[in-house]
N, C-alpha and C. Protein backbone atom coordinates (compact mmCIF):
# COMPACT_ATOMS: atom_id res chain seq x y z
N MET A 1 2.92 -6.89 -13.75
CA MET A 1 1.72 -7.67 -13.56
C MET A 1 1.63 -8.81 -14.56
N THR A 2 2.31 -8.72 -15.67
CA THR A 2 2.22 -9.79 -16.65
C THR A 2 2.82 -11.09 -16.15
N SER A 3 3.82 -11.04 -15.27
CA SER A 3 4.41 -12.26 -14.75
C SER A 3 3.47 -12.98 -13.80
N GLN A 4 2.43 -12.31 -13.32
CA GLN A 4 1.50 -12.90 -12.37
C GLN A 4 0.29 -13.52 -13.05
N GLN A 5 0.18 -13.43 -14.36
CA GLN A 5 -1.03 -13.87 -15.04
C GLN A 5 -1.32 -15.35 -14.84
N SER A 6 -0.29 -16.19 -14.64
CA SER A 6 -0.53 -17.60 -14.48
C SER A 6 -0.85 -17.96 -13.03
N SER A 7 -0.73 -17.03 -12.11
CA SER A 7 -1.04 -17.27 -10.70
C SER A 7 -2.44 -16.77 -10.39
N THR A 8 -3.11 -17.45 -9.47
CA THR A 8 -4.43 -16.99 -9.04
C THR A 8 -4.27 -15.89 -8.00
N PRO A 9 -5.31 -15.09 -7.79
CA PRO A 9 -5.23 -14.08 -6.72
C PRO A 9 -4.91 -14.70 -5.36
N THR A 10 -5.45 -15.87 -5.07
CA THR A 10 -5.17 -16.53 -3.80
C THR A 10 -3.70 -16.90 -3.69
N GLN A 11 -3.11 -17.43 -4.76
CA GLN A 11 -1.69 -17.78 -4.74
C GLN A 11 -0.82 -16.54 -4.56
N ILE A 12 -1.17 -15.46 -5.23
CA ILE A 12 -0.38 -14.24 -5.11
C ILE A 12 -0.47 -13.71 -3.68
N ALA A 13 -1.68 -13.65 -3.11
CA ALA A 13 -1.85 -13.17 -1.74
C ALA A 13 -1.08 -14.05 -0.76
N ALA A 14 -1.13 -15.35 -0.95
CA ALA A 14 -0.43 -16.28 -0.05
C ALA A 14 1.09 -16.09 -0.12
N SER A 15 1.59 -15.64 -1.26
CA SER A 15 3.04 -15.48 -1.42
C SER A 15 3.59 -14.21 -0.77
N LEU A 16 2.73 -13.30 -0.35
CA LEU A 16 3.18 -12.04 0.24
C LEU A 16 3.84 -12.27 1.59
N ASN A 17 4.87 -11.49 1.88
CA ASN A 17 5.62 -11.64 3.13
C ASN A 17 5.19 -10.69 4.23
N GLU A 18 4.42 -9.67 3.90
CA GLU A 18 4.01 -8.66 4.87
C GLU A 18 2.50 -8.66 5.03
N PHE A 19 2.04 -8.50 6.26
CA PHE A 19 0.62 -8.32 6.51
C PHE A 19 0.25 -6.87 6.21
N TRP A 20 -0.98 -6.65 5.76
CA TRP A 20 -1.56 -5.34 5.52
C TRP A 20 -0.78 -4.54 4.48
N SER A 21 -0.16 -5.21 3.52
CA SER A 21 0.58 -4.53 2.47
C SER A 21 0.03 -4.96 1.11
N PRO A 22 -1.11 -4.38 0.69
CA PRO A 22 -1.76 -4.82 -0.55
C PRO A 22 -0.85 -4.66 -1.77
N ARG A 23 -1.08 -5.53 -2.75
CA ARG A 23 -0.37 -5.43 -4.03
C ARG A 23 -1.39 -5.40 -5.15
N VAL A 24 -1.14 -4.53 -6.10
CA VAL A 24 -2.01 -4.42 -7.27
C VAL A 24 -1.72 -5.60 -8.19
N VAL A 25 -2.78 -6.33 -8.56
CA VAL A 25 -2.63 -7.46 -9.47
C VAL A 25 -3.30 -7.21 -10.82
N ALA A 26 -4.14 -6.19 -10.88
CA ALA A 26 -4.80 -5.82 -12.14
C ALA A 26 -5.36 -4.42 -12.00
N GLU A 27 -5.63 -3.80 -13.15
CA GLU A 27 -6.31 -2.51 -13.14
C GLU A 27 -7.26 -2.45 -14.32
N PHE A 28 -8.33 -1.72 -14.12
CA PHE A 28 -9.30 -1.50 -15.19
C PHE A 28 -9.95 -0.15 -14.96
N ASP A 29 -10.21 0.55 -16.06
CA ASP A 29 -10.78 1.89 -15.98
C ASP A 29 -10.06 2.70 -14.91
N ASP A 30 -10.80 3.18 -13.90
CA ASP A 30 -10.16 3.97 -12.85
C ASP A 30 -10.02 3.19 -11.55
N SER A 31 -9.92 1.85 -11.65
CA SER A 31 -9.86 1.00 -10.46
C SER A 31 -8.66 0.06 -10.46
N PHE A 32 -8.25 -0.31 -9.25
CA PHE A 32 -7.23 -1.33 -9.04
C PHE A 32 -7.89 -2.55 -8.42
N VAL A 33 -7.38 -3.73 -8.79
CA VAL A 33 -7.68 -4.97 -8.09
C VAL A 33 -6.42 -5.29 -7.30
N LYS A 34 -6.59 -5.46 -5.98
CA LYS A 34 -5.45 -5.69 -5.10
C LYS A 34 -5.67 -6.98 -4.31
N VAL A 35 -4.58 -7.60 -3.87
CA VAL A 35 -4.65 -8.72 -2.95
C VAL A 35 -3.78 -8.39 -1.75
N ALA A 36 -4.11 -9.01 -0.61
CA ALA A 36 -3.32 -8.78 0.60
C ALA A 36 -3.43 -9.98 1.52
N LYS A 37 -2.41 -10.12 2.34
CA LYS A 37 -2.42 -11.08 3.44
C LYS A 37 -2.57 -10.23 4.70
N VAL A 38 -3.56 -10.53 5.52
CA VAL A 38 -3.83 -9.70 6.70
C VAL A 38 -3.91 -10.56 7.95
N LYS A 39 -3.55 -9.95 9.06
CA LYS A 39 -3.68 -10.57 10.38
C LYS A 39 -3.57 -9.46 11.40
N GLY A 40 -4.44 -9.50 12.40
CA GLY A 40 -4.47 -8.45 13.41
C GLY A 40 -5.41 -7.34 12.97
N THR A 41 -5.09 -6.12 13.36
CA THR A 41 -5.94 -4.95 13.12
C THR A 41 -5.23 -3.97 12.20
N LEU A 42 -5.96 -3.38 11.25
CA LEU A 42 -5.36 -2.36 10.39
C LEU A 42 -5.42 -1.00 11.09
N ALA A 43 -6.55 -0.32 11.06
CA ALA A 43 -6.72 1.00 11.70
C ALA A 43 -8.13 1.50 11.38
N TRP A 44 -8.71 2.24 12.30
CA TRP A 44 -9.97 2.90 12.02
C TRP A 44 -9.70 4.01 11.01
N HIS A 45 -10.46 3.98 9.90
CA HIS A 45 -10.27 4.99 8.86
C HIS A 45 -11.51 5.04 7.98
N SER A 46 -11.54 5.99 7.08
CA SER A 46 -12.62 6.07 6.09
C SER A 46 -12.03 6.57 4.78
N HIS A 47 -12.79 6.37 3.73
CA HIS A 47 -12.44 6.87 2.40
C HIS A 47 -13.59 7.80 2.00
N ASP A 48 -13.34 9.09 2.06
CA ASP A 48 -14.41 10.08 1.89
C ASP A 48 -15.11 10.00 0.54
N ASN A 49 -14.37 9.64 -0.53
CA ASN A 49 -14.95 9.71 -1.87
C ASN A 49 -15.00 8.38 -2.61
N GLU A 50 -14.63 7.29 -1.95
CA GLU A 50 -14.57 6.00 -2.64
C GLU A 50 -15.20 4.88 -1.81
N ASP A 51 -15.94 4.00 -2.49
CA ASP A 51 -16.37 2.74 -1.90
C ASP A 51 -15.18 1.79 -1.92
N GLU A 52 -15.22 0.74 -1.09
CA GLU A 52 -14.14 -0.24 -1.03
C GLU A 52 -14.74 -1.63 -0.96
N LEU A 53 -14.41 -2.46 -1.96
CA LEU A 53 -14.94 -3.83 -2.01
C LEU A 53 -13.93 -4.80 -1.42
N PHE A 54 -14.38 -5.60 -0.46
CA PHE A 54 -13.59 -6.67 0.15
C PHE A 54 -14.15 -8.01 -0.33
N TYR A 55 -13.29 -8.90 -0.80
CA TYR A 55 -13.66 -10.27 -1.15
C TYR A 55 -12.70 -11.20 -0.43
N ILE A 56 -13.23 -12.17 0.29
CA ILE A 56 -12.39 -13.05 1.11
C ILE A 56 -11.97 -14.26 0.28
N LEU A 57 -10.66 -14.35 0.03
CA LEU A 57 -10.10 -15.48 -0.72
C LEU A 57 -9.92 -16.70 0.17
N LYS A 58 -9.52 -16.46 1.41
CA LYS A 58 -9.28 -17.56 2.36
C LYS A 58 -9.28 -16.98 3.77
N GLY A 59 -9.94 -17.66 4.69
CA GLY A 59 -9.95 -17.23 6.09
C GLY A 59 -11.19 -16.44 6.45
N HIS A 60 -11.07 -15.66 7.51
CA HIS A 60 -12.18 -14.86 8.04
C HIS A 60 -11.71 -13.44 8.31
N LEU A 61 -12.59 -12.48 8.06
CA LEU A 61 -12.31 -11.07 8.31
C LEU A 61 -13.53 -10.44 8.95
N CYS A 62 -13.29 -9.63 9.96
CA CYS A 62 -14.35 -8.83 10.57
C CYS A 62 -14.08 -7.38 10.19
N ILE A 63 -15.08 -6.73 9.63
CA ILE A 63 -14.97 -5.29 9.36
C ILE A 63 -15.77 -4.59 10.44
N GLU A 64 -15.04 -3.98 11.37
CA GLU A 64 -15.70 -3.23 12.43
C GLU A 64 -16.16 -1.89 11.87
N MET A 65 -17.40 -1.54 12.20
CA MET A 65 -17.95 -0.25 11.81
C MET A 65 -18.76 0.28 12.98
N GLU A 66 -18.91 1.57 13.05
CA GLU A 66 -19.63 2.18 14.17
C GLU A 66 -21.07 1.71 14.25
N GLN A 67 -21.68 1.38 13.11
CA GLN A 67 -23.09 0.94 13.11
C GLN A 67 -23.23 -0.57 13.24
N GLY A 68 -22.11 -1.29 13.43
CA GLY A 68 -22.14 -2.74 13.61
C GLY A 68 -21.09 -3.42 12.76
N ASN A 69 -20.67 -4.59 13.20
CA ASN A 69 -19.62 -5.33 12.51
C ASN A 69 -20.18 -6.21 11.41
N VAL A 70 -19.35 -6.48 10.42
CA VAL A 70 -19.68 -7.42 9.35
C VAL A 70 -18.62 -8.51 9.38
N ASP A 71 -19.06 -9.76 9.58
CA ASP A 71 -18.15 -10.91 9.60
C ASP A 71 -18.19 -11.59 8.25
N LEU A 72 -17.01 -11.81 7.67
CA LEU A 72 -16.91 -12.38 6.34
C LEU A 72 -16.05 -13.64 6.36
N ALA A 73 -16.48 -14.66 5.62
CA ALA A 73 -15.74 -15.91 5.48
C ALA A 73 -15.35 -16.09 4.01
N GLN A 74 -14.58 -17.12 3.73
CA GLN A 74 -14.13 -17.40 2.37
C GLN A 74 -15.30 -17.35 1.39
N GLY A 75 -15.12 -16.60 0.30
CA GLY A 75 -16.15 -16.47 -0.72
C GLY A 75 -17.13 -15.33 -0.48
N ASP A 76 -17.08 -14.71 0.71
CA ASP A 76 -17.98 -13.59 1.01
C ASP A 76 -17.39 -12.28 0.46
N MET A 77 -18.30 -11.35 0.20
CA MET A 77 -17.93 -10.05 -0.34
C MET A 77 -18.74 -8.99 0.39
N TYR A 78 -18.11 -7.83 0.59
CA TYR A 78 -18.82 -6.72 1.22
C TYR A 78 -18.23 -5.41 0.69
N VAL A 79 -19.10 -4.44 0.46
CA VAL A 79 -18.67 -3.12 0.03
C VAL A 79 -18.87 -2.14 1.18
N VAL A 80 -17.77 -1.53 1.62
CA VAL A 80 -17.84 -0.47 2.62
C VAL A 80 -18.13 0.82 1.85
N PRO A 81 -19.27 1.44 2.13
CA PRO A 81 -19.62 2.67 1.40
C PRO A 81 -18.67 3.82 1.72
N LYS A 82 -18.50 4.69 0.76
CA LYS A 82 -17.66 5.87 0.96
C LYS A 82 -18.11 6.63 2.20
N GLY A 83 -17.12 7.14 2.93
CA GLY A 83 -17.40 7.93 4.12
C GLY A 83 -17.65 7.15 5.39
N VAL A 84 -17.76 5.82 5.32
CA VAL A 84 -18.05 5.01 6.50
C VAL A 84 -16.74 4.62 7.19
N ARG A 85 -16.62 5.01 8.47
CA ARG A 85 -15.43 4.61 9.24
C ARG A 85 -15.47 3.10 9.46
N HIS A 86 -14.32 2.47 9.22
CA HIS A 86 -14.23 1.02 9.38
C HIS A 86 -12.83 0.61 9.80
N ASN A 87 -12.75 -0.61 10.33
CA ASN A 87 -11.48 -1.14 10.81
C ASN A 87 -11.47 -2.64 10.52
N PRO A 88 -10.72 -3.09 9.50
CA PRO A 88 -10.64 -4.52 9.21
C PRO A 88 -9.80 -5.24 10.29
N VAL A 89 -10.30 -6.41 10.73
CA VAL A 89 -9.62 -7.19 11.76
C VAL A 89 -9.65 -8.66 11.37
N ALA A 90 -8.50 -9.32 11.46
CA ALA A 90 -8.41 -10.76 11.20
C ALA A 90 -7.70 -11.40 12.39
N ASP A 91 -8.41 -12.24 13.13
CA ASP A 91 -7.80 -12.92 14.28
C ASP A 91 -6.71 -13.89 13.83
N GLU A 92 -6.91 -14.52 12.70
CA GLU A 92 -5.94 -15.44 12.11
C GLU A 92 -5.60 -14.92 10.71
N GLU A 93 -4.55 -15.45 10.12
CA GLU A 93 -4.16 -15.03 8.77
C GLU A 93 -5.34 -15.18 7.80
N CYS A 94 -5.54 -14.17 6.99
CA CYS A 94 -6.65 -14.12 6.04
C CYS A 94 -6.12 -13.54 4.73
N LEU A 95 -6.59 -14.08 3.62
CA LEU A 95 -6.21 -13.59 2.30
C LEU A 95 -7.42 -12.88 1.70
N ILE A 96 -7.20 -11.65 1.22
CA ILE A 96 -8.31 -10.85 0.71
C ILE A 96 -8.00 -10.28 -0.67
N MET A 97 -9.06 -9.97 -1.39
CA MET A 97 -8.96 -9.21 -2.63
C MET A 97 -9.76 -7.94 -2.42
N LEU A 98 -9.23 -6.83 -2.91
CA LEU A 98 -9.87 -5.52 -2.80
C LEU A 98 -10.06 -4.95 -4.19
N ILE A 99 -11.17 -4.27 -4.40
CA ILE A 99 -11.36 -3.49 -5.62
C ILE A 99 -11.64 -2.06 -5.16
N GLU A 100 -10.76 -1.17 -5.62
CA GLU A 100 -10.82 0.23 -5.19
C GLU A 100 -10.51 1.15 -6.35
N LYS A 101 -11.05 2.36 -6.30
CA LYS A 101 -10.64 3.37 -7.26
C LYS A 101 -9.16 3.65 -7.08
N LYS A 102 -8.51 4.06 -8.14
CA LYS A 102 -7.07 4.35 -8.08
C LYS A 102 -6.76 5.49 -7.11
N SER A 103 -7.74 6.32 -6.80
CA SER A 103 -7.54 7.44 -5.88
C SER A 103 -7.64 7.04 -4.40
N THR A 104 -8.02 5.80 -4.12
CA THR A 104 -8.24 5.36 -2.74
C THR A 104 -6.92 5.25 -1.98
N LEU A 105 -6.81 5.97 -0.89
CA LEU A 105 -5.63 5.88 -0.04
C LEU A 105 -5.75 4.69 0.89
N HIS A 106 -4.66 3.97 1.10
CA HIS A 106 -4.66 2.71 1.85
C HIS A 106 -5.38 2.81 3.19
N THR A 107 -5.00 3.75 4.01
CA THR A 107 -5.66 3.92 5.30
C THR A 107 -6.45 5.23 5.34
N GLY A 108 -6.97 5.58 4.18
CA GLY A 108 -7.87 6.73 4.09
C GLY A 108 -7.30 8.01 4.65
N ASN A 109 -8.00 8.54 5.63
CA ASN A 109 -7.72 9.87 6.16
C ASN A 109 -6.69 9.87 7.29
N ILE A 110 -6.03 8.72 7.56
CA ILE A 110 -5.02 8.67 8.61
C ILE A 110 -3.74 8.02 8.09
N GLN A 111 -2.65 8.25 8.79
CA GLN A 111 -1.36 7.63 8.48
C GLN A 111 -0.93 6.81 9.69
N THR A 112 -0.54 5.54 9.47
CA THR A 112 0.02 4.70 10.52
C THR A 112 1.26 4.01 9.98
N GLU A 113 1.91 3.23 10.82
CA GLU A 113 3.07 2.46 10.36
C GLU A 113 2.67 1.40 9.33
N LYS A 114 1.39 1.10 9.23
CA LYS A 114 0.91 0.11 8.26
C LYS A 114 0.49 0.74 6.93
N THR A 115 0.42 2.06 6.87
CA THR A 115 0.00 2.75 5.65
C THR A 115 0.99 2.47 4.52
N ARG A 116 0.46 2.11 3.34
CA ARG A 116 1.29 1.84 2.17
C ARG A 116 0.88 2.78 1.05
N SER A 117 1.87 3.35 0.38
CA SER A 117 1.61 4.24 -0.75
C SER A 117 1.16 3.43 -1.97
N ILE A 118 0.60 4.11 -2.95
CA ILE A 118 0.24 3.44 -4.20
C ILE A 118 1.50 2.87 -4.85
N ALA A 119 2.61 3.62 -4.82
CA ALA A 119 3.85 3.12 -5.41
C ALA A 119 4.28 1.80 -4.76
N ASP A 120 4.14 1.71 -3.45
CA ASP A 120 4.49 0.48 -2.74
C ASP A 120 3.55 -0.66 -3.15
N GLN A 121 2.27 -0.33 -3.33
CA GLN A 121 1.30 -1.35 -3.71
C GLN A 121 1.49 -1.83 -5.15
N LEU A 122 2.15 -1.04 -5.97
CA LEU A 122 2.42 -1.41 -7.36
C LEU A 122 3.72 -2.21 -7.51
N ARG A 123 4.47 -2.40 -6.42
CA ARG A 123 5.71 -3.18 -6.50
C ARG A 123 5.41 -4.60 -6.97
N PRO A 124 6.33 -5.21 -7.73
CA PRO A 124 6.14 -6.60 -8.12
C PRO A 124 6.13 -7.51 -6.90
N VAL A 125 5.40 -8.58 -7.02
CA VAL A 125 5.31 -9.56 -5.91
C VAL A 125 6.58 -10.36 -5.87
């Protein structure tokens, strides 16, 4: 992570080659700060014990939830409360920053081909 200190979160997210593959760019206390490049649909999932903060660095993201969707644009932030089923969707390429507890599993209670382990998320950019 020290080699990334001169890059902004937006630059790091833009440099990623895979969609839906978050990378840890910082950590504090029991939380990770992650960035990702996303496009399309991730998966319906929930995090039983952790909230999940989404911050839009560039583009638009819709977080589908059973009680209604939340549409986010650049500079917007939203916290999905623990236990709430959600499905992030980006019609076009979108760059996001996430703040999550270190215990948060990428796709929560399900496994898909897009699921990434913490070890994978800790890989250098």
